[in-house]
Amino acid sequence: MTHPFEIEQETTLPASPEEVWEAIATGPGIDSWFMGRNEVESREGGAAAMETGGHRQEATVTAYEPGKRFATRTATAEDGRFMAFEYLIEGRAVGSTVLRVVHSGLLGDDWQDEYDALRRGWPFHLHTLREYLAHFPGRRGAPVFAMALSGGQPPQQVRAALARGLSLPSPVVAGDVAHAQPAGLPPVDGEVTWSDEEHIEVRAADGLYTFHHSPGVVLMFHHLFGPHTGGAEAAWQQWLTGLLA
């Protein structure tokens, strides 16, 4: 049985409405802070898509008002499930913008767990958007994705492994200094800007490095703005797989 849901979030961003629009309504902009590799056809009725780890989710642009409103909706699955996203932009004084996000749709039988995960994830994603607009304005990030199964390890053990791999103390808190060096890449030195029970985010000079862990799996969605992006996905996949071995 499907279950309707709606999540609404609002945040003030250190950017103009035009900069926020580029970040939330274009493929390269979304690549720079959200998840996966994204495509957006710039018109109402156009196609949108997100590809993550070989899985492609397609949607239709249902609203396209530059600088004001952008919305998409996936097709309705056989069991009735769908996802809809709406972004509403309102400019404020002194170069800031209020962004309101409404994520709605129908979830499946395990809707409560999925809803809780979505609800917890949005504050983190909007924080990443704020970091992008504040520290990498006008730049386009190369998305890097990696995933590894945790093999039944307890969540605390997985968290501890991530902390060790990033040279972080335990518990991890915002402001900690991180260091990692995947094979074949320059070292990553940065500051933890977000830490909760499921996420760690590190901002370095060349990018935003995000780590997501939930029962059974660890995901990485990085956004790289420096010159060293070739081979980064393979290197981070090797780093993560070795960390959880």
C-alpha atoms as a PDB file:
ATOM      1  CA  MET A   1       0.000   0.000   0.000  1.00  0.00           C
ATOM      2  CA  THR A   2       1.312   3.460  -0.882  1.00  0.00           C
ATOM      3  CA  HIS A   3       1.453   6.345   1.553  1.00  0.00           C
ATOM      4  CA  PRO A   4       1.498  10.073   0.705  1.00  0.00           C
ATOM      5  CA  PHE A   5       4.220  12.265   2.178  1.00  0.00           C
ATOM      6  CA  GLU A   6       5.440  15.850   2.072  1.00  0.00           C
ATOM      7  CA  ILE A   7       8.652  17.363   3.406  1.00  0.00           C
ATOM      8  CA  GLU A   8       9.110  21.127   3.408  1.00  0.00           C
ATOM      9  CA  GLN A   9      12.386  22.885   4.157  1.00  0.00           C
ATOM     10  CA  GLU A  10      13.420  26.534   3.989  1.00  0.00           C
ATOM     11  CA  THR A  11      16.885  28.059   4.107  1.00  0.00           C
ATOM     12  CA  THR A  12      18.572  31.410   3.510  1.00  0.00           C
ATOM     13  CA  LEU A  13      21.474  31.200   1.069  1.00  0.00           C
ATOM     14  CA  PRO A  14      24.421  33.611   0.582  1.00  0.00           C
ATOM     15  CA  ALA A  15      23.762  34.118  -3.120  1.00  0.00           C
ATOM     16  CA  SER A  16      21.572  35.989  -5.580  1.00  0.00           C
ATOM     17  CA  PRO A  17      18.365  34.430  -6.967  1.00  0.00           C
ATOM     18  CA  GLU A  18      20.166  33.979 -10.294  1.00  0.00           C
ATOM     19  CA  GLU A  19      22.989  32.040  -8.631  1.00  0.00           C
ATOM     20  CA  VAL A  20      20.547  29.876  -6.706  1.00  0.00           C
ATOM     21  CA  TRP A  21      18.590  29.185  -9.902  1.00  0.00           C
ATOM     22  CA  GLU A  22      21.732  27.993 -11.672  1.00  0.00           C
ATOM     23  CA  ALA A  23      22.425  25.661  -8.747  1.00  0.00           C
ATOM     24  CA  ILE A  24      18.989  24.055  -8.513  1.00  0.00           C
ATOM     25  CA  ALA A  25      17.678  24.132 -12.099  1.00  0.00           C
ATOM     26  CA  THR A  26      20.630  23.125 -14.312  1.00  0.00           C
ATOM     27  CA  GLY A  27      22.403  19.789 -14.626  1.00  0.00           C
ATOM     28  CA  PRO A  28      25.922  21.138 -13.873  1.00  0.00           C
ATOM     29  CA  GLY A  29      24.560  23.189 -10.976  1.00  0.00           C
ATOM     30  CA  ILE A  30      22.847  20.205  -9.342  1.00  0.00           C
ATOM     31  CA  ASP A  31      25.996  18.111  -9.885  1.00  0.00           C
ATOM     32  CA  SER A  32      27.839  20.634  -7.714  1.00  0.00           C
ATOM     33  CA  TRP A  33      25.943  19.961  -4.467  1.00  0.00           C
ATOM     34  CA  PHE A  34      23.298  17.209  -4.703  1.00  0.00           C
ATOM     35  CA  MET A  35      23.595  13.569  -5.741  1.00  0.00           C
ATOM     36  CA  GLY A  36      24.698  11.811  -8.912  1.00  0.00           C
ATOM     37  CA  ARG A  37      25.005  13.144 -12.450  1.00  0.00           C
ATOM     38  CA  ASN A  38      22.089  15.285 -13.503  1.00  0.00           C
ATOM     39  CA  GLU A  39      20.439  16.478 -16.694  1.00  0.00           C
ATOM     40  CA  VAL A  40      17.776  19.175 -17.036  1.00  0.00           C
ATOM     41  CA  GLU A  41      16.017  20.306 -20.192  1.00  0.00           C
ATOM     42  CA  SER A  42      15.398  24.025 -19.710  1.00  0.00           C
ATOM     43  CA  ARG A  43      11.656  24.249 -20.249  1.00  0.00           C
ATOM     44  CA  GLU A  44       8.357  23.193 -18.727  1.00  0.00           C
ATOM     45  CA  GLY A  45       7.566  19.724 -20.040  1.00  0.00           C
ATOM     46  CA  GLY A  46      11.251  19.009 -20.603  1.00  0.00           C
ATOM     47  CA  ALA A  47      13.142  15.966 -19.384  1.00  0.00           C
ATOM     48  CA  ALA A  48      15.219  15.706 -16.221  1.00  0.00           C
ATOM     49  CA  ALA A  49      17.318  12.791 -14.998  1.00  0.00           C
ATOM     50  CA  MET A  50      19.651  11.737 -12.193  1.00  0.00           C
ATOM     51  CA  GLU A  51      22.109   8.875 -12.594  1.00  0.00           C
ATOM     52  CA  THR A  52      23.751   7.331  -9.532  1.00  0.00           C
ATOM     53  CA  GLY A  53      25.837   4.182  -9.601  1.00  0.00           C
ATOM     54  CA  GLY A  54      24.306   3.001 -12.867  1.00  0.00           C
ATOM     55  CA  HIS A  55      20.728   3.682 -11.735  1.00  0.00           C
ATOM     56  CA  ARG A  56      18.947   6.334 -13.762  1.00  0.00           C
ATOM     57  CA  GLN A  57      15.833   8.082 -12.458  1.00  0.00           C
ATOM     58  CA  GLU A  58      13.944  10.111 -15.035  1.00  0.00           C
ATOM     59  CA  ALA A  59      11.449  12.903 -14.422  1.00  0.00           C
ATOM     60  CA  THR A  60       9.522  15.649 -16.189  1.00  0.00           C
ATOM     61  CA  VAL A  61       9.987  19.371 -15.559  1.00  0.00           C
ATOM     62  CA  THR A  62       6.568  20.502 -14.315  1.00  0.00           C
ATOM     63  CA  ALA A  63       7.425  24.160 -13.592  1.00  0.00           C
ATOM     64  CA  TYR A  64      10.153  26.347 -15.071  1.00  0.00           C
ATOM     65  CA  GLU A  65      10.092  30.025 -14.072  1.00  0.00           C
ATOM     66  CA  PRO A  66      13.714  31.243 -14.102  1.00  0.00           C
ATOM     67  CA  GLY A  67      14.728  32.843 -10.836  1.00  0.00           C
ATOM     68  CA  LYS A  68      11.423  31.947  -9.182  1.00  0.00           C
ATOM     69  CA  ARG A  69      10.164  28.360  -9.377  1.00  0.00           C
ATOM     70  CA  PHE A  70      11.441  24.993 -10.589  1.00  0.00           C
ATOM     71  CA  ALA A  71       9.687  21.630 -10.181  1.00  0.00           C
ATOM     72  CA  THR A  72      10.007  18.055 -11.416  1.00  0.00           C
ATOM     73  CA  ARG A  73       7.993  14.855 -11.054  1.00  0.00           C
ATOM     74  CA  THR A  74       8.866  11.248 -11.762  1.00  0.00           C
ATOM     75  CA  ALA A  75       6.445   8.987 -13.604  1.00  0.00           C
ATOM     76  CA  THR A  76       3.987   6.986 -11.512  1.00  0.00           C
ATOM     77  CA  ALA A  77       5.229   3.433 -10.973  1.00  0.00           C
ATOM     78  CA  GLU A  78       2.974   0.390 -11.279  1.00  0.00           C
ATOM     79  CA  ASP A  79       2.385   0.401  -7.522  1.00  0.00           C
ATOM     80  CA  GLY A  80       1.529   4.115  -7.534  1.00  0.00           C
ATOM     81  CA  ARG A  81       4.790   5.495  -6.174  1.00  0.00           C
ATOM     82  CA  PHE A  82       6.267   8.762  -7.454  1.00  0.00           C
ATOM     83  CA  MET A  83       8.506  11.627  -6.319  1.00  0.00           C
ATOM     84  CA  ALA A  84       7.969  15.352  -6.869  1.00  0.00           C
ATOM     85  CA  PHE A  85      10.354  18.218  -6.089  1.00  0.00           C
ATOM     86  CA  GLU A  86       9.499  21.922  -6.019  1.00  0.00           C
ATOM     87  CA  TYR A  87      11.958  24.771  -5.430  1.00  0.00           C
ATOM     88  CA  LEU A  88      10.674  28.285  -4.708  1.00  0.00           C
ATOM     89  CA  ILE A  89      13.130  31.204  -4.804  1.00  0.00           C
ATOM     90  CA  GLU A  90      12.706  34.593  -3.137  1.00  0.00           C
ATOM     91  CA  GLY A  91      15.416  37.249  -3.277  1.00  0.00           C
ATOM     92  CA  ARG A  92      16.310  39.191  -0.138  1.00  0.00           C
ATOM     93  CA  ALA A  93      18.478  42.217   0.561  1.00  0.00           C
ATOM     94  CA  VAL A  94      22.284  42.181   0.640  1.00  0.00           C
ATOM     95  CA  GLY A  95      22.725  39.385  -1.887  1.00  0.00           C
ATOM     96  CA  SER A  96      20.865  36.642  -0.050  1.00  0.00           C
ATOM     97  CA  THR A  97      18.049  34.390  -1.194  1.00  0.00           C
ATOM     98  CA  VAL A  98      15.425  32.327   0.587  1.00  0.00           C
ATOM     99  CA  LEU A  99      14.918  28.891  -0.930  1.00  0.00           C
ATOM    100  CA  ARG A 100      11.910  26.773  -0.030  1.00  0.00           C
ATOM    101  CA  VAL A 101      11.992  23.097  -1.009  1.00  0.00           C
ATOM    102  CA  VAL A 102       8.908  20.868  -1.080  1.00  0.00           C
ATOM    103  CA  HIS A 103       9.545  17.150  -1.602  1.00  0.00           C
ATOM    104  CA  SER A 104       6.352  15.118  -1.930  1.00  0.00           C
ATOM    105  CA  GLY A 105       4.898  11.992  -3.485  1.00  0.00           C
ATOM    106  CA  LEU A 106       3.813   8.468  -2.631  1.00  0.00           C
ATOM    107  CA  LEU A 107       6.024   5.918  -0.878  1.00  0.00           C
ATOM    108  CA  GLY A 108       5.710   2.128  -0.744  1.00  0.00           C
ATOM    109  CA  ASP A 109       5.055  -0.373   2.036  1.00  0.00           C
ATOM    110  CA  ASP A 110       8.157   0.552   4.047  1.00  0.00           C
ATOM    111  CA  TRP A 111       7.231   4.219   3.781  1.00  0.00           C
ATOM    112  CA  GLN A 112       8.032   5.139   7.386  1.00  0.00           C
ATOM    113  CA  ASP A 113      11.728   4.223   7.172  1.00  0.00           C
ATOM    114  CA  GLU A 114      12.063   5.835   3.750  1.00  0.00           C
ATOM    115  CA  TYR A 115      10.261   8.972   4.877  1.00  0.00           C
ATOM    116  CA  ASP A 116      12.455   9.277   7.963  1.00  0.00           C
ATOM    117  CA  ALA A 117      15.608   8.938   5.832  1.00  0.00           C
ATOM    118  CA  LEU A 118      14.401  11.604   3.402  1.00  0.00           C
ATOM    119  CA  ARG A 119      13.422  13.946   6.222  1.00  0.00           C
ATOM    120  CA  ARG A 120      16.831  13.585   7.881  1.00  0.00           C
ATOM    121  CA  GLY A 121      18.669  14.001   4.597  1.00  0.00           C
ATOM    122  CA  TRP A 122      17.288  17.346   3.448  1.00  0.00           C
ATOM    123  CA  PRO A 123      18.950  19.564   6.091  1.00  0.00           C
ATOM    124  CA  PHE A 124      22.275  17.972   5.135  1.00  0.00           C
ATOM    125  CA  HIS A 125      21.741  18.524   1.398  1.00  0.00           C
ATOM    126  CA  LEU A 126      20.741  22.155   1.917  1.00  0.00           C
ATOM    127  CA  HIS A 127      23.848  22.642   4.037  1.00  0.00           C
ATOM    128  CA  THR A 128      25.910  21.296   1.118  1.00  0.00           C
ATOM    129  CA  LEU A 129      24.151  23.720  -1.224  1.00  0.00           C
ATOM    130  CA  ARG A 130      25.008  26.592   1.128  1.00  0.00           C
ATOM    131  CA  GLU A 131      28.660  25.486   1.279  1.00  0.00           C
ATOM    132  CA  TYR A 132      28.793  25.345  -2.507  1.00  0.00           C
ATOM    133  CA  LEU A 133      27.312  28.809  -3.001  1.00  0.00           C
ATOM    134  CA  ALA A 134      29.458  30.347  -0.255  1.00  0.00           C
ATOM    135  CA  HIS A 135      32.815  28.806  -1.172  1.00  0.00           C
ATOM    136  CA  PHE A 136      32.658  27.780  -4.846  1.00  0.00           C
ATOM    137  CA  PRO A 137      30.340  30.379  -6.454  1.00  0.00           C
ATOM    138  CA  GLY A 138      30.079  30.242 -10.216  1.00  0.00           C
ATOM    139  CA  ARG A 139      32.115  27.042 -10.461  1.00  0.00           C
ATOM    140  CA  ARG A 140      30.896  23.658 -11.668  1.00  0.00           C
ATOM    141  CA  GLY A 141      31.756  20.573  -9.689  1.00  0.00           C
ATOM    142  CA  ALA A 142      32.650  17.158 -11.059  1.00  0.00           C
ATOM    143  CA  PRO A 143      30.457  14.605  -9.242  1.00  0.00           C
ATOM    144  CA  VAL A 144      32.218  11.583  -7.752  1.00  0.00           C
ATOM    145  CA  PHE A 145      30.240   8.589  -6.488  1.00  0.00           C
ATOM    146  CA  ALA A 146      31.370   5.506  -4.586  1.00  0.00           C
ATOM    147  CA  MET A 147      29.484   2.815  -2.692  1.00  0.00           C
ATOM    148  CA  ALA A 148      30.502  -0.129  -0.526  1.00  0.00           C
ATOM    149  CA  LEU A 149      28.568  -2.646   1.531  1.00  0.00           C
ATOM    150  CA  SER A 150      29.499  -2.688   5.189  1.00  0.00           C
ATOM    151  CA  GLY A 151      29.188  -6.469   5.454  1.00  0.00           C
ATOM    152  CA  GLY A 152      27.058  -6.559   8.561  1.00  0.00           C
ATOM    153  CA  GLN A 153      29.401  -4.383  10.601  1.00  0.00           C
ATOM    154  CA  PRO A 154      27.644  -2.443  13.375  1.00  0.00           C
ATOM    155  CA  PRO A 155      26.979   1.227  12.559  1.00  0.00           C
ATOM    156  CA  GLN A 156      29.407   2.341  15.286  1.00  0.00           C
ATOM    157  CA  GLN A 157      32.172   0.268  13.713  1.00  0.00           C
ATOM    158  CA  VAL A 158      31.486   1.708  10.256  1.00  0.00           C
ATOM    159  CA  ARG A 159      31.494   5.236  11.679  1.00  0.00           C
ATOM    160  CA  ALA A 160      34.779   4.572  13.434  1.00  0.00           C
ATOM    161  CA  ALA A 161      36.320   3.258  10.200  1.00  0.00           C
ATOM    162  CA  LEU A 162      35.286   6.424   8.344  1.00  0.00           C
ATOM    163  CA  ALA A 163      36.732   8.572  11.113  1.00  0.00           C
ATOM    164  CA  ARG A 164      40.051   6.685  10.962  1.00  0.00           C
ATOM    165  CA  GLY A 165      40.168   6.926   7.188  1.00  0.00           C
ATOM    166  CA  LEU A 166      39.715  10.683   7.441  1.00  0.00           C
ATOM    167  CA  SER A 167      42.194  11.028  10.342  1.00  0.00           C
ATOM    168  CA  LEU A 168      39.396  12.345  12.542  1.00  0.00           C
ATOM    169  CA  PRO A 169      38.837  11.933  16.289  1.00  0.00           C
ATOM    170  CA  SER A 170      35.796  10.226  17.719  1.00  0.00           C
ATOM    171  CA  PRO A 171      33.251  11.611  18.055  1.00  0.00           C
ATOM    172  CA  VAL A 172      33.501  13.659  14.858  1.00  0.00           C
ATOM    173  CA  VAL A 173      32.350  17.257  15.256  1.00  0.00           C
ATOM    174  CA  ALA A 174      32.184  20.292  12.974  1.00  0.00           C
ATOM    175  CA  GLY A 175      35.473  22.134  12.944  1.00  0.00           C
ATOM    176  CA  ASP A 176      37.648  19.001  13.103  1.00  0.00           C
ATOM    177  CA  VAL A 177      40.513  18.878  10.609  1.00  0.00           C
ATOM    178  CA  ALA A 178      40.367  15.941   8.165  1.00  0.00           C
ATOM    179  CA  HIS A 179      43.102  14.315   6.101  1.00  0.00           C
ATOM    180  CA  ALA A 180      42.824  11.519   3.524  1.00  0.00           C
ATOM    181  CA  GLN A 181      44.883  10.352   0.574  1.00  0.00           C
ATOM    182  CA  PRO A 182      43.275   7.926  -1.861  1.00  0.00           C
ATOM    183  CA  ALA A 183      45.892   6.179  -3.980  1.00  0.00           C
ATOM    184  CA  GLY A 184      46.920   8.198  -7.003  1.00  0.00           C
ATOM    185  CA  LEU A 185      45.288  11.446  -5.880  1.00  0.00           C
ATOM    186  CA  PRO A 186      46.695  14.508  -4.110  1.00  0.00           C
ATOM    187  CA  PRO A 187      46.031  14.512  -0.364  1.00  0.00           C
ATOM    188  CA  VAL A 188      42.731  15.944   0.829  1.00  0.00           C
ATOM    189  CA  ASP A 189      43.023  18.298   3.784  1.00  0.00           C
ATOM    190  CA  GLY A 190      39.910  20.080   4.949  1.00  0.00           C
ATOM    191  CA  GLU A 191      37.486  21.014   7.683  1.00  0.00           C
ATOM    192  CA  VAL A 192      34.465  19.063   8.854  1.00  0.00           C
ATOM    193  CA  THR A 193      31.467  21.315   8.224  1.00  0.00           C
ATOM    194  CA  TRP A 194      28.731  18.795   9.119  1.00  0.00           C
ATOM    195  CA  SER A 195      28.580  15.707  11.313  1.00  0.00           C
ATOM    196  CA  ASP A 196      25.533  13.751  12.438  1.00  0.00           C
ATOM    197  CA  GLU A 197      24.766  10.086  13.005  1.00  0.00           C
ATOM    198  CA  GLU A 198      24.571   9.368   9.252  1.00  0.00           C
ATOM    199  CA  HIS A 199      26.659  12.020   7.491  1.00  0.00           C
ATOM    200  CA  ILE A 200      30.086  13.629   7.488  1.00  0.00           C
ATOM    201  CA  GLU A 201      30.978  16.525   5.204  1.00  0.00           C
ATOM    202  CA  VAL A 202      34.465  17.888   4.651  1.00  0.00           C
ATOM    203  CA  ARG A 203      35.191  21.117   2.787  1.00  0.00           C
ATOM    204  CA  ALA A 204      38.636  21.277   1.232  1.00  0.00           C
ATOM    205  CA  ALA A 205      40.227  23.828  -1.077  1.00  0.00           C
ATOM    206  CA  ASP A 206      39.280  21.764  -4.113  1.00  0.00           C
ATOM    207  CA  GLY A 207      35.858  20.402  -3.228  1.00  0.00           C
ATOM    208  CA  LEU A 208      33.094  19.174  -0.967  1.00  0.00           C
ATOM    209  CA  TYR A 209      33.503  15.596   0.259  1.00  0.00           C
ATOM    210  CA  THR A 210      30.356  13.945   1.637  1.00  0.00           C
ATOM    211  CA  PHE A 211      30.036  10.558   3.337  1.00  0.00           C
ATOM    212  CA  HIS A 212      26.665   8.876   4.012  1.00  0.00           C
ATOM    213  CA  HIS A 213      26.366   5.723   6.086  1.00  0.00           C
ATOM    214  CA  SER A 214      23.251   3.736   6.889  1.00  0.00           C
ATOM    215  CA  PRO A 215      22.716   0.113   7.941  1.00  0.00           C
ATOM    216  CA  GLY A 216      24.509  -2.096   5.433  1.00  0.00           C
ATOM    217  CA  VAL A 217      25.973   0.510   3.088  1.00  0.00           C
ATOM    218  CA  VAL A 218      28.271   3.539   2.844  1.00  0.00           C
ATOM    219  CA  LEU A 219      27.892   6.075   0.030  1.00  0.00           C
ATOM    220  CA  MET A 220      30.094   8.954  -1.051  1.00  0.00           C
ATOM    221  CA  PHE A 221      28.897  11.905  -3.111  1.00  0.00           C
ATOM    222  CA  HIS A 222      31.827  14.263  -3.676  1.00  0.00           C
ATOM    223  CA  HIS A 223      31.830  17.508  -5.679  1.00  0.00           C
ATOM    224  CA  LEU A 224      35.299  18.353  -6.995  1.00  0.00           C
ATOM    225  CA  PHE A 225      36.249  21.803  -8.280  1.00  0.00           C
ATOM    226  CA  GLY A 226      39.993  21.346  -8.762  1.00  0.00           C
ATOM    227  CA  PRO A 227      42.026  20.022 -11.695  1.00  0.00           C
ATOM    228  CA  HIS A 228      42.501  16.492 -10.330  1.00  0.00           C
ATOM    229  CA  THR A 229      39.198  14.829 -11.266  1.00  0.00           C
ATOM    230  CA  GLY A 230      40.416  12.203 -13.699  1.00  0.00           C
ATOM    231  CA  GLY A 231      40.478   8.835 -11.959  1.00  0.00           C
ATOM    232  CA  ALA A 232      38.976  10.304  -8.789  1.00  0.00           C
ATOM    233  CA  GLU A 233      35.933   8.028  -8.794  1.00  0.00           C
ATOM    234  CA  ALA A 234      38.009   4.848  -9.112  1.00  0.00           C
ATOM    235  CA  ALA A 235      40.452   6.060  -6.454  1.00  0.00           C
ATOM    236  CA  TRP A 236      37.744   6.886  -3.921  1.00  0.00           C
ATOM    237  CA  GLN A 237      35.986   3.585  -4.622  1.00  0.00           C
ATOM    238  CA  GLN A 238      39.236   1.745  -3.856  1.00  0.00           C
ATOM    239  CA  TRP A 239      39.706   3.839  -0.702  1.00  0.00           C
ATOM    240  CA  LEU A 240      36.213   3.096   0.548  1.00  0.00           C
ATOM    241  CA  THR A 241      36.309  -0.626  -0.286  1.00  0.00           C
ATOM    242  CA  GLY A 242      39.641  -1.000   1.500  1.00  0.00           C
ATOM    243  CA  LEU A 243      38.382   0.927   4.508  1.00  0.00           C
ATOM    244  CA  LEU A 244      35.468  -1.461   5.045  1.00  0.00           C
ATOM    245  CA  ALA A 245      37.320  -4.687   4.219  1.00  0.00           C
END
